[in-house]
Amino acid sequence: RYPKVSLLTLMGLLLIFVADFLFGVIFIWA
């Protein structure tokens, strides 16, 4: 129904999800 909106939203959500996990690991082992 909304391909452009969905793409941008999914990109933002994926970035937040991956960054939460990745930076959690980095800040523990750094």
Full PDB file with SEQRES, HELIX, SHEET, SSBOND, CRYST1, ORIGX, SCALE, CONECT and MASTER records, all heavy atoms in Angstrom:
SEQRES   1 A   30  ARG TYR PRO LYS VAL SER LEU LEU THR LEU MET GLY LEU          
SEQRES   2 A   30  LEU LEU ILE PHE VAL ALA ASP PHE LEU PHE GLY VAL ILE          
SEQRES   3 A   30  PHE ILE TRP ALA                                              
HELIX    1 AA1 PRO A    3  TRP A   29  1                                  27    
CRYST1    1.000    1.000    1.000  90.00  90.00  90.00 P 1           1          
ORIGX1      1.000000  0.000000  0.000000        0.00000                         
ORIGX2      0.000000  1.000000  0.000000        0.00000                         
ORIGX3      0.000000  0.000000  1.000000        0.00000                         
SCALE1      1.000000  0.000000  0.000000        0.00000                         
SCALE2      0.000000  1.000000  0.000000        0.00000                         
SCALE3      0.000000  0.000000  1.000000        0.00000                         
ATOM      1  N   ARG A   1       0.821  -1.210   0.000  1.00  0.00           N  
ATOM      2  CA  ARG A   1       0.000   0.000   0.000  1.00  0.00           C  
ATOM      3  C   ARG A   1       0.863   1.271   0.000  1.00  0.00           C  
ATOM      4  O   ARG A   1       0.521   2.249  -0.651  1.00  0.00           O  
ATOM      5  CB  ARG A   1      -0.912  -0.017   1.218  1.00  0.00           C  
ATOM      6  CG  ARG A   1      -1.970   1.029   1.175  1.00  0.00           C  
ATOM      7  CD  ARG A   1      -2.980   0.772   2.248  1.00  0.00           C  
ATOM      8  NE  ARG A   1      -4.029   1.762   2.177  1.00  0.00           N  
ATOM      9  CZ  ARG A   1      -5.002   1.872   3.035  1.00  0.00           C  
ATOM     10  NH1 ARG A   1      -5.084   1.018   4.033  1.00  0.00           N  
ATOM     11  NH2 ARG A   1      -5.913   2.800   2.913  1.00  0.00           N  
ATOM     12  N   TYR A   2       1.956   1.263   0.753  1.00  0.00           N  
ATOM     13  CA  TYR A   2       2.840   2.431   0.879  1.00  0.00           C  
ATOM     14  C   TYR A   2       4.300   2.000   0.733  1.00  0.00           C  
ATOM     15  O   TYR A   2       5.044   1.971   1.712  1.00  0.00           O  
ATOM     16  CB  TYR A   2       2.650   3.111   2.238  1.00  0.00           C  
ATOM     17  CG  TYR A   2       1.248   3.542   2.527  1.00  0.00           C  
ATOM     18  CD1 TYR A   2       0.457   2.833   3.423  1.00  0.00           C  
ATOM     19  CD2 TYR A   2       0.706   4.662   1.908  1.00  0.00           C  
ATOM     20  CE1 TYR A   2      -0.830   3.225   3.701  1.00  0.00           C  
ATOM     21  CE2 TYR A   2      -0.590   5.063   2.174  1.00  0.00           C  
ATOM     22  CZ  TYR A   2      -1.356   4.344   3.070  1.00  0.00           C  
ATOM     23  OH  TYR A   2      -2.633   4.738   3.343  1.00  0.00           O  
ATOM     24  N   PRO A   3       4.763   1.682  -0.467  1.00  0.00           N  
ATOM     25  CA  PRO A   3       6.121   1.135  -0.615  1.00  0.00           C  
ATOM     26  C   PRO A   3       7.238   2.106  -0.225  1.00  0.00           C  
ATOM     27  O   PRO A   3       8.198   1.696   0.431  1.00  0.00           O  
ATOM     28  CB  PRO A   3       6.208   0.756  -2.094  1.00  0.00           C  
ATOM     29  CG  PRO A   3       5.109   1.485  -2.771  1.00  0.00           C  
ATOM     30  CD  PRO A   3       4.057   1.735  -1.744  1.00  0.00           C  
ATOM     31  N   LYS A   4       7.149   3.379  -0.589  1.00  0.00           N  
ATOM     32  CA  LYS A   4       8.215   4.329  -0.251  1.00  0.00           C  
ATOM     33  C   LYS A   4       8.275   4.581   1.251  1.00  0.00           C  
ATOM     34  O   LYS A   4       9.350   4.591   1.854  1.00  0.00           O  
ATOM     35  CB  LYS A   4       8.016   5.651  -0.984  1.00  0.00           C  
ATOM     36  CG  LYS A   4       8.260   5.574  -2.466  1.00  0.00           C  
ATOM     37  CD  LYS A   4       8.042   6.918  -3.111  1.00  0.00           C  
ATOM     38  CE  LYS A   4       8.168   6.830  -4.612  1.00  0.00           C  
ATOM     39  NZ  LYS A   4       7.903   8.120  -5.259  1.00  0.00           N  
ATOM     40  N   VAL A   5       7.119   4.789   1.844  1.00  0.00           N  
ATOM     41  CA  VAL A   5       7.052   5.021   3.289  1.00  0.00           C  
ATOM     42  C   VAL A   5       7.555   3.785   4.031  1.00  0.00           C  
ATOM     43  O   VAL A   5       8.329   3.891   4.992  1.00  0.00           O  
ATOM     44  CB  VAL A   5       5.609   5.367   3.713  1.00  0.00           C  
ATOM     45  CG1 VAL A   5       5.480   5.427   5.215  1.00  0.00           C  
ATOM     46  CG2 VAL A   5       5.166   6.668   3.074  1.00  0.00           C  
ATOM     47  N   SER A   6       7.142   2.620   3.579  1.00  0.00           N  
ATOM     48  CA  SER A   6       7.559   1.382   4.230  1.00  0.00           C  
ATOM     49  C   SER A   6       9.063   1.177   4.133  1.00  0.00           C  
ATOM     50  O   SER A   6       9.702   0.749   5.094  1.00  0.00           O  
ATOM     51  CB  SER A   6       6.836   0.187   3.607  1.00  0.00           C  
ATOM     52  OG  SER A   6       5.455   0.291   3.822  1.00  0.00           O  
ATOM     53  N   LEU A   7       9.637   1.483   2.981  1.00  0.00           N  
ATOM     54  CA  LEU A   7      11.082   1.317   2.814  1.00  0.00           C  
ATOM     55  C   LEU A   7      11.859   2.223   3.760  1.00  0.00           C  
ATOM     56  O   LEU A   7      12.775   1.772   4.448  1.00  0.00           O  
ATOM     57  CB  LEU A   7      11.485   1.605   1.361  1.00  0.00           C  
ATOM     58  CG  LEU A   7      12.984   1.534   1.065  1.00  0.00           C  
ATOM     59  CD1 LEU A   7      13.506   0.127   1.302  1.00  0.00           C  
ATOM     60  CD2 LEU A   7      13.276   2.003  -0.346  1.00  0.00           C  
ATOM     61  N   LEU A   8      11.490   3.493   3.810  1.00  0.00           N  
ATOM     62  CA  LEU A   8      12.181   4.424   4.697  1.00  0.00           C  
ATOM     63  C   LEU A   8      12.008   4.037   6.170  1.00  0.00           C  
ATOM     64  O   LEU A   8      12.951   4.082   6.962  1.00  0.00           O  
ATOM     65  CB  LEU A   8      11.679   5.850   4.471  1.00  0.00           C  
ATOM     66  CG  LEU A   8      12.121   6.517   3.176  1.00  0.00           C  
ATOM     67  CD1 LEU A   8      11.376   7.831   2.984  1.00  0.00           C  
ATOM     68  CD2 LEU A   8      13.618   6.746   3.182  1.00  0.00           C  
ATOM     69  N   THR A   9      10.798   3.641   6.530  1.00  0.00           N  
ATOM     70  CA  THR A   9      10.535   3.246   7.911  1.00  0.00           C  
ATOM     71  C   THR A   9      11.323   1.996   8.282  1.00  0.00           C  
ATOM     72  O   THR A   9      11.941   1.932   9.350  1.00  0.00           O  
ATOM     73  CB  THR A   9       9.029   2.998   8.125  1.00  0.00           C  
ATOM     74  OG1 THR A   9       8.307   4.160   7.729  1.00  0.00           O  
ATOM     75  CG2 THR A   9       8.724   2.662   9.566  1.00  0.00           C  
ATOM     76  N   LEU A  10      11.327   1.017   7.387  1.00  0.00           N  
ATOM     77  CA  LEU A  10      12.066  -0.213   7.660  1.00  0.00           C  
ATOM     78  C   LEU A  10      13.566   0.051   7.768  1.00  0.00           C  
ATOM     79  O   LEU A  10      14.240  -0.521   8.636  1.00  0.00           O  
ATOM     80  CB  LEU A  10      11.770  -1.248   6.575  1.00  0.00           C  
ATOM     81  CG  LEU A  10      12.235  -2.665   6.859  1.00  0.00           C  
ATOM     82  CD1 LEU A  10      11.588  -3.205   8.126  1.00  0.00           C  
ATOM     83  CD2 LEU A  10      11.919  -3.568   5.680  1.00  0.00           C  
ATOM     84  N   MET A  11      14.091   0.925   6.921  1.00  0.00           N  
ATOM     85  CA  MET A  11      15.515   1.268   7.003  1.00  0.00           C  
ATOM     86  C   MET A  11      15.848   1.904   8.358  1.00  0.00           C  
ATOM     87  O   MET A  11      16.845   1.551   8.987  1.00  0.00           O  
ATOM     88  CB  MET A  11      15.899   2.198   5.853  1.00  0.00           C  
ATOM     89  CG  MET A  11      15.951   1.507   4.514  1.00  0.00           C  
ATOM     90  SD  MET A  11      16.153   2.618   3.102  1.00  0.00           S  
ATOM     91  CE  MET A  11      17.658   3.452   3.493  1.00  0.00           C  
ATOM     92  N   GLY A  12      15.018   2.836   8.801  1.00  0.00           N  
ATOM     93  CA  GLY A  12      15.235   3.474  10.090  1.00  0.00           C  
ATOM     94  C   GLY A  12      15.139   2.488  11.247  1.00  0.00           C  
ATOM     95  O   GLY A  12      15.980   2.491  12.147  1.00  0.00           O  
ATOM     96  N   LEU A  13      14.126   1.631  11.218  1.00  0.00           N  
ATOM     97  CA  LEU A  13      13.951   0.657  12.292  1.00  0.00           C  
ATOM     98  C   LEU A  13      15.076  -0.370  12.331  1.00  0.00           C  
ATOM     99  O   LEU A  13      15.563  -0.734  13.407  1.00  0.00           O  
ATOM    100  CB  LEU A  13      12.594  -0.041  12.154  1.00  0.00           C  
ATOM    101  CG  LEU A  13      11.366   0.831  12.418  1.00  0.00           C  
ATOM    102  CD1 LEU A  13      10.090   0.073  12.024  1.00  0.00           C  
ATOM    103  CD2 LEU A  13      11.314   1.256  13.870  1.00  0.00           C  
ATOM    104  N   LEU A  14      15.492  -0.837  11.163  1.00  0.00           N  
ATOM    105  CA  LEU A  14      16.607  -1.787  11.108  1.00  0.00           C  
ATOM    106  C   LEU A  14      17.893  -1.155  11.629  1.00  0.00           C  
ATOM    107  O   LEU A  14      18.667  -1.799  12.348  1.00  0.00           O  
ATOM    108  CB  LEU A  14      16.814  -2.299   9.685  1.00  0.00           C  
ATOM    109  CG  LEU A  14      15.856  -3.379   9.223  1.00  0.00           C  
ATOM    110  CD1 LEU A  14      16.029  -3.655   7.726  1.00  0.00           C  
ATOM    111  CD2 LEU A  14      16.078  -4.656  10.005  1.00  0.00           C  
ATOM    112  N   LEU A  15      18.115   0.091  11.266  1.00  0.00           N  
ATOM    113  CA  LEU A  15      19.311   0.784  11.735  1.00  0.00           C  
ATOM    114  C   LEU A  15      19.302   0.917  13.262  1.00  0.00           C  
ATOM    115  O   LEU A  15      20.319   0.673  13.923  1.00  0.00           O  
ATOM    116  CB  LEU A  15      19.415   2.154  11.065  1.00  0.00           C  
ATOM    117  CG  LEU A  15      20.730   2.894  11.193  1.00  0.00           C  
ATOM    118  CD1 LEU A  15      21.892   2.060  10.704  1.00  0.00           C  
ATOM    119  CD2 LEU A  15      20.659   4.190  10.408  1.00  0.00           C  
ATOM    120  N   ILE A  16      18.163   1.260  13.827  1.00  0.00           N  
ATOM    121  CA  ILE A  16      18.056   1.360  15.284  1.00  0.00           C  
ATOM    122  C   ILE A  16      18.277  -0.003  15.941  1.00  0.00           C  
ATOM    123  O   ILE A  16      19.012  -0.125  16.923  1.00  0.00           O  
ATOM    124  CB  ILE A  16      16.686   1.943  15.699  1.00  0.00           C  
ATOM    125  CG1 ILE A  16      16.596   3.407  15.288  1.00  0.00           C  
ATOM    126  CG2 ILE A  16      16.457   1.794  17.207  1.00  0.00           C  
ATOM    127  CD1 ILE A  16      15.213   3.992  15.444  1.00  0.00           C  
ATOM    128  N   PHE A  17      17.667  -1.040  15.380  1.00  0.00           N  
ATOM    129  CA  PHE A  17      17.777  -2.385  15.941  1.00  0.00           C  
ATOM    130  C   PHE A  17      19.227  -2.869  15.927  1.00  0.00           C  
ATOM    131  O   PHE A  17      19.749  -3.330  16.949  1.00  0.00           O  
ATOM    132  CB  PHE A  17      16.879  -3.352  15.144  1.00  0.00           C  
ATOM    133  CG  PHE A  17      16.786  -4.718  15.738  1.00  0.00           C  
ATOM    134  CD1 PHE A  17      15.874  -4.980  16.737  1.00  0.00           C  
ATOM    135  CD2 PHE A  17      17.602  -5.747  15.287  1.00  0.00           C  
ATOM    136  CE1 PHE A  17      15.779  -6.251  17.299  1.00  0.00           C  
ATOM    137  CE2 PHE A  17      17.518  -7.002  15.842  1.00  0.00           C  
ATOM    138  CZ  PHE A  17      16.603  -7.263  16.840  1.00  0.00           C  
ATOM    139  N   VAL A  18      19.886  -2.752  14.783  1.00  0.00           N  
ATOM    140  CA  VAL A  18      21.278  -3.207  14.660  1.00  0.00           C  
ATOM    141  C   VAL A  18      22.205  -2.357  15.526  1.00  0.00           C  
ATOM    142  O   VAL A  18      23.099  -2.882  16.193  1.00  0.00           O  
ATOM    143  CB  VAL A  18      21.721  -3.196  13.180  1.00  0.00           C  
ATOM    144  CG1 VAL A  18      23.210  -3.440  13.038  1.00  0.00           C  
ATOM    145  CG2 VAL A  18      20.936  -4.238  12.389  1.00  0.00           C  
ATOM    146  N   ALA A  19      21.983  -1.052  15.530  1.00  0.00           N  
ATOM    147  CA  ALA A  19      22.844  -0.158  16.315  1.00  0.00           C  
ATOM    148  C   ALA A  19      22.706  -0.430  17.809  1.00  0.00           C  
ATOM    149  O   ALA A  19      23.703  -0.413  18.533  1.00  0.00           O  
ATOM    150  CB  ALA A  19      22.522   1.300  16.004  1.00  0.00           C  
ATOM    151  N   ASP A  20      21.491  -0.689  18.286  1.00  0.00           N  
ATOM    152  CA  ASP A  20      21.300  -1.017  19.703  1.00  0.00           C  
ATOM    153  C   ASP A  20      22.149  -2.212  20.100  1.00  0.00           C  
ATOM    154  O   ASP A  20      22.852  -2.185  21.101  1.00  0.00           O  
ATOM    155  CB  ASP A  20      19.830  -1.329  19.985  1.00  0.00           C  
ATOM    156  CG  ASP A  20      19.068  -0.151  20.511  1.00  0.00           C  
ATOM    157  OD1 ASP A  20      19.689   0.883  20.815  1.00  0.00           O  
ATOM    158  OD2 ASP A  20      17.836  -0.268  20.634  1.00  0.00           O  
ATOM    159  N   PHE A  21      22.079  -3.254  19.299  1.00  0.00           N  
ATOM    160  CA  PHE A  21      22.837  -4.468  19.606  1.00  0.00           C  
ATOM    161  C   PHE A  21      24.338  -4.236  19.429  1.00  0.00           C  
ATOM    162  O   PHE A  21      25.138  -4.554  20.316  1.00  0.00           O  
ATOM    163  CB  PHE A  21      22.368  -5.615  18.708  1.00  0.00           C  
ATOM    164  CG  PHE A  21      23.073  -6.902  19.002  1.00  0.00           C  
ATOM    165  CD1 PHE A  21      22.702  -7.675  20.092  1.00  0.00           C  
ATOM    166  CD2 PHE A  21      24.110  -7.341  18.213  1.00  0.00           C  
ATOM    167  CE1 PHE A  21      23.351  -8.863  20.381  1.00  0.00           C  
ATOM    168  CE2 PHE A  21      24.774  -8.522  18.496  1.00  0.00           C  
ATOM    169  CZ  PHE A  21      24.388  -9.286  19.576  1.00  0.00           C  
ATOM    170  N   LEU A  22      24.732  -3.660  18.302  1.00  0.00           N  
ATOM    171  CA  LEU A  22      26.152  -3.479  17.982  1.00  0.00           C  
ATOM    172  C   LEU A  22      26.857  -2.574  18.989  1.00  0.00           C  
ATOM    173  O   LEU A  22      27.929  -2.913  19.501  1.00  0.00           O  
ATOM    174  CB  LEU A  22      26.299  -2.915  16.571  1.00  0.00           C  
ATOM    175  CG  LEU A  22      27.721  -2.735  16.066  1.00  0.00           C  
ATOM    176  CD1 LEU A  22      28.401  -4.079  15.893  1.00  0.00           C  
ATOM    177  CD2 LEU A  22      27.711  -1.990  14.749  1.00  0.00           C  
ATOM    178  N   PHE A  23      26.280  -1.433  19.291  1.00  0.00           N  
ATOM    179  CA  PHE A  23      26.930  -0.527  20.225  1.00  0.00           C  
ATOM    180  C   PHE A  23      26.880  -1.056  21.651  1.00  0.00           C  
ATOM    181  O   PHE A  23      27.756  -0.750  22.461  1.00  0.00           O  
ATOM    182  CB  PHE A  23      26.362   0.891  20.117  1.00  0.00           C  
ATOM    183  CG  PHE A  23      26.839   1.591  18.881  1.00  0.00           C  
ATOM    184  CD1 PHE A  23      25.979   1.850  17.830  1.00  0.00           C  
ATOM    185  CD2 PHE A  23      28.164   1.973  18.757  1.00  0.00           C  
ATOM    186  CE1 PHE A  23      26.422   2.483  16.687  1.00  0.00           C  
ATOM    187  CE2 PHE A  23      28.617   2.612  17.616  1.00  0.00           C  
ATOM    188  CZ  PHE A  23      27.752   2.869  16.580  1.00  0.00           C  
ATOM    189  N   GLY A  24      25.880  -1.874  21.971  1.00  0.00           N  
ATOM    190  CA  GLY A  24      25.884  -2.544  23.263  1.00  0.00           C  
ATOM    191  C   GLY A  24      27.097  -3.447  23.408  1.00  0.00           C  
ATOM    192  O   GLY A  24      27.776  -3.457  24.439  1.00  0.00           O  
ATOM    193  N   VAL A  25      27.401  -4.195  22.359  1.00  0.00           N  
ATOM    194  CA  VAL A  25      28.576  -5.072  22.361  1.00  0.00           C  
ATOM    195  C   VAL A  25      29.860  -4.252  22.404  1.00  0.00           C  
ATOM    196  O   VAL A  25      30.776  -4.539  23.187  1.00  0.00           O  
ATOM    197  CB  VAL A  25      28.559  -5.990  21.111  1.00  0.00           C  
ATOM    198  CG1 VAL A  25      29.873  -6.739  20.972  1.00  0.00           C  
ATOM    199  CG2 VAL A  25      27.395  -6.960  21.174  1.00  0.00           C  
ATOM    200  N   ILE A  26      29.937  -3.222  21.589  1.00  0.00           N  
ATOM    201  CA  ILE A  26      31.158  -2.410  21.524  1.00  0.00           C  
ATOM    202  C   ILE A  26      31.452  -1.759  22.870  1.00  0.00           C  
ATOM    203  O   ILE A  26      32.592  -1.794  23.343  1.00  0.00           O  
ATOM    204  CB  ILE A  26      31.041  -1.344  20.415  1.00  0.00           C  
ATOM    205  CG1 ILE A  26      31.100  -2.011  19.045  1.00  0.00           C  
ATOM    206  CG2 ILE A  26      32.148  -0.303  20.545  1.00  0.00           C  
ATOM    207  CD1 ILE A  26      30.790  -1.079  17.888  1.00  0.00           C  
ATOM    208  N   PHE A  27      30.453  -1.183  23.505  1.00  0.00           N  
ATOM    209  CA  PHE A  27      30.681  -0.488  24.763  1.00  0.00           C  
ATOM    210  C   PHE A  27      31.006  -1.451  25.915  1.00  0.00           C  
ATOM    211  O   PHE A  27      31.595  -1.044  26.913  1.00  0.00           O  
ATOM    212  CB  PHE A  27      29.501   0.407  25.135  1.00  0.00           C  
ATOM    213  CG  PHE A  27      29.514   1.719  24.409  1.00  0.00           C  
ATOM    214  CD1 PHE A  27      28.591   1.994  23.414  1.00  0.00           C  
ATOM    215  CD2 PHE A  27      30.459   2.688  24.709  1.00  0.00           C  
ATOM    216  CE1 PHE A  27      28.607   3.209  22.735  1.00  0.00           C  
ATOM    217  CE2 PHE A  27      30.491   3.900  24.047  1.00  0.00           C  
ATOM    218  CZ  PHE A  27      29.562   4.160  23.060  1.00  0.00           C  
ATOM    219  N   ILE A  28      30.643  -2.730  25.789  1.00  0.00           N  
ATOM    220  CA  ILE A  28      30.997  -3.704  26.823  1.00  0.00           C  
ATOM    221  C   ILE A  28      32.442  -4.179  26.646  1.00  0.00           C  
ATOM    222  O   ILE A  28      33.185  -4.317  27.604  1.00  0.00           O  
ATOM    223  CB  ILE A  28      30.014  -4.893  26.807  1.00  0.00           C  
ATOM    224  CG1 ILE A  28      28.671  -4.443  27.373  1.00  0.00           C  
ATOM    225  CG2 ILE A  28      30.560  -6.074  27.608  1.00  0.00           C  
ATOM    226  CD1 ILE A  28      27.578  -5.468  27.254  1.00  0.00           C  
ATOM    227  N   TRP A  29      32.861  -4.415  25.385  1.00  0.00           N  
ATOM    228  CA  TRP A  29      34.198  -4.951  25.165  1.00  0.00           C  
ATOM    229  C   TRP A  29      35.270  -3.884  24.974  1.00  0.00           C  
ATOM    230  O   TRP A  29      36.456  -4.173  25.118  1.00  0.00           O  
ATOM    231  CB  TRP A  29      34.191  -5.920  23.980  1.00  0.00           C  
ATOM    232  CG  TRP A  29      34.007  -7.330  24.429  1.00  0.00           C  
ATOM    233  CD1 TRP A  29      34.980  -8.160  24.883  1.00  0.00           C  
ATOM    234  CD2 TRP A  29      32.800  -8.082  24.483  1.00  0.00           C  
ATOM    235  NE1 TRP A  29      34.443  -9.370  25.219  1.00  0.00           N  
ATOM    236  CE2 TRP A  29      33.104  -9.361  24.982  1.00  0.00           C  
ATOM    237  CE3 TRP A  29      31.478  -7.793  24.163  1.00  0.00           C  
ATOM    238  CZ2 TRP A  29      32.159 -10.349  25.167  1.00  0.00           C  
ATOM    239  CZ3 TRP A  29      30.541  -8.777  24.337  1.00  0.00           C  
ATOM    240  CH2 TRP A  29      30.865 -10.035  24.837  1.00  0.00           C  
ATOM    241  N   ALA A  30      34.911  -2.663  24.680  1.00  0.00           N  
ATOM    242  CA  ALA A  30      35.913  -1.613  24.445  1.00  0.00           C  
ATOM    243  C   ALA A  30      36.830  -1.350  25.636  1.00  0.00           C  
ATOM    244  O   ALA A  30      38.040  -1.190  25.434  1.00  0.00           O  
ATOM    245  CB  ALA A  30      35.226  -0.323  23.996  1.00  0.00           C  
TER     246      ALA A  30                                                      
MASTER        0    0    0    1    0    0    0    6  245    1    0    3          
END                                                                             
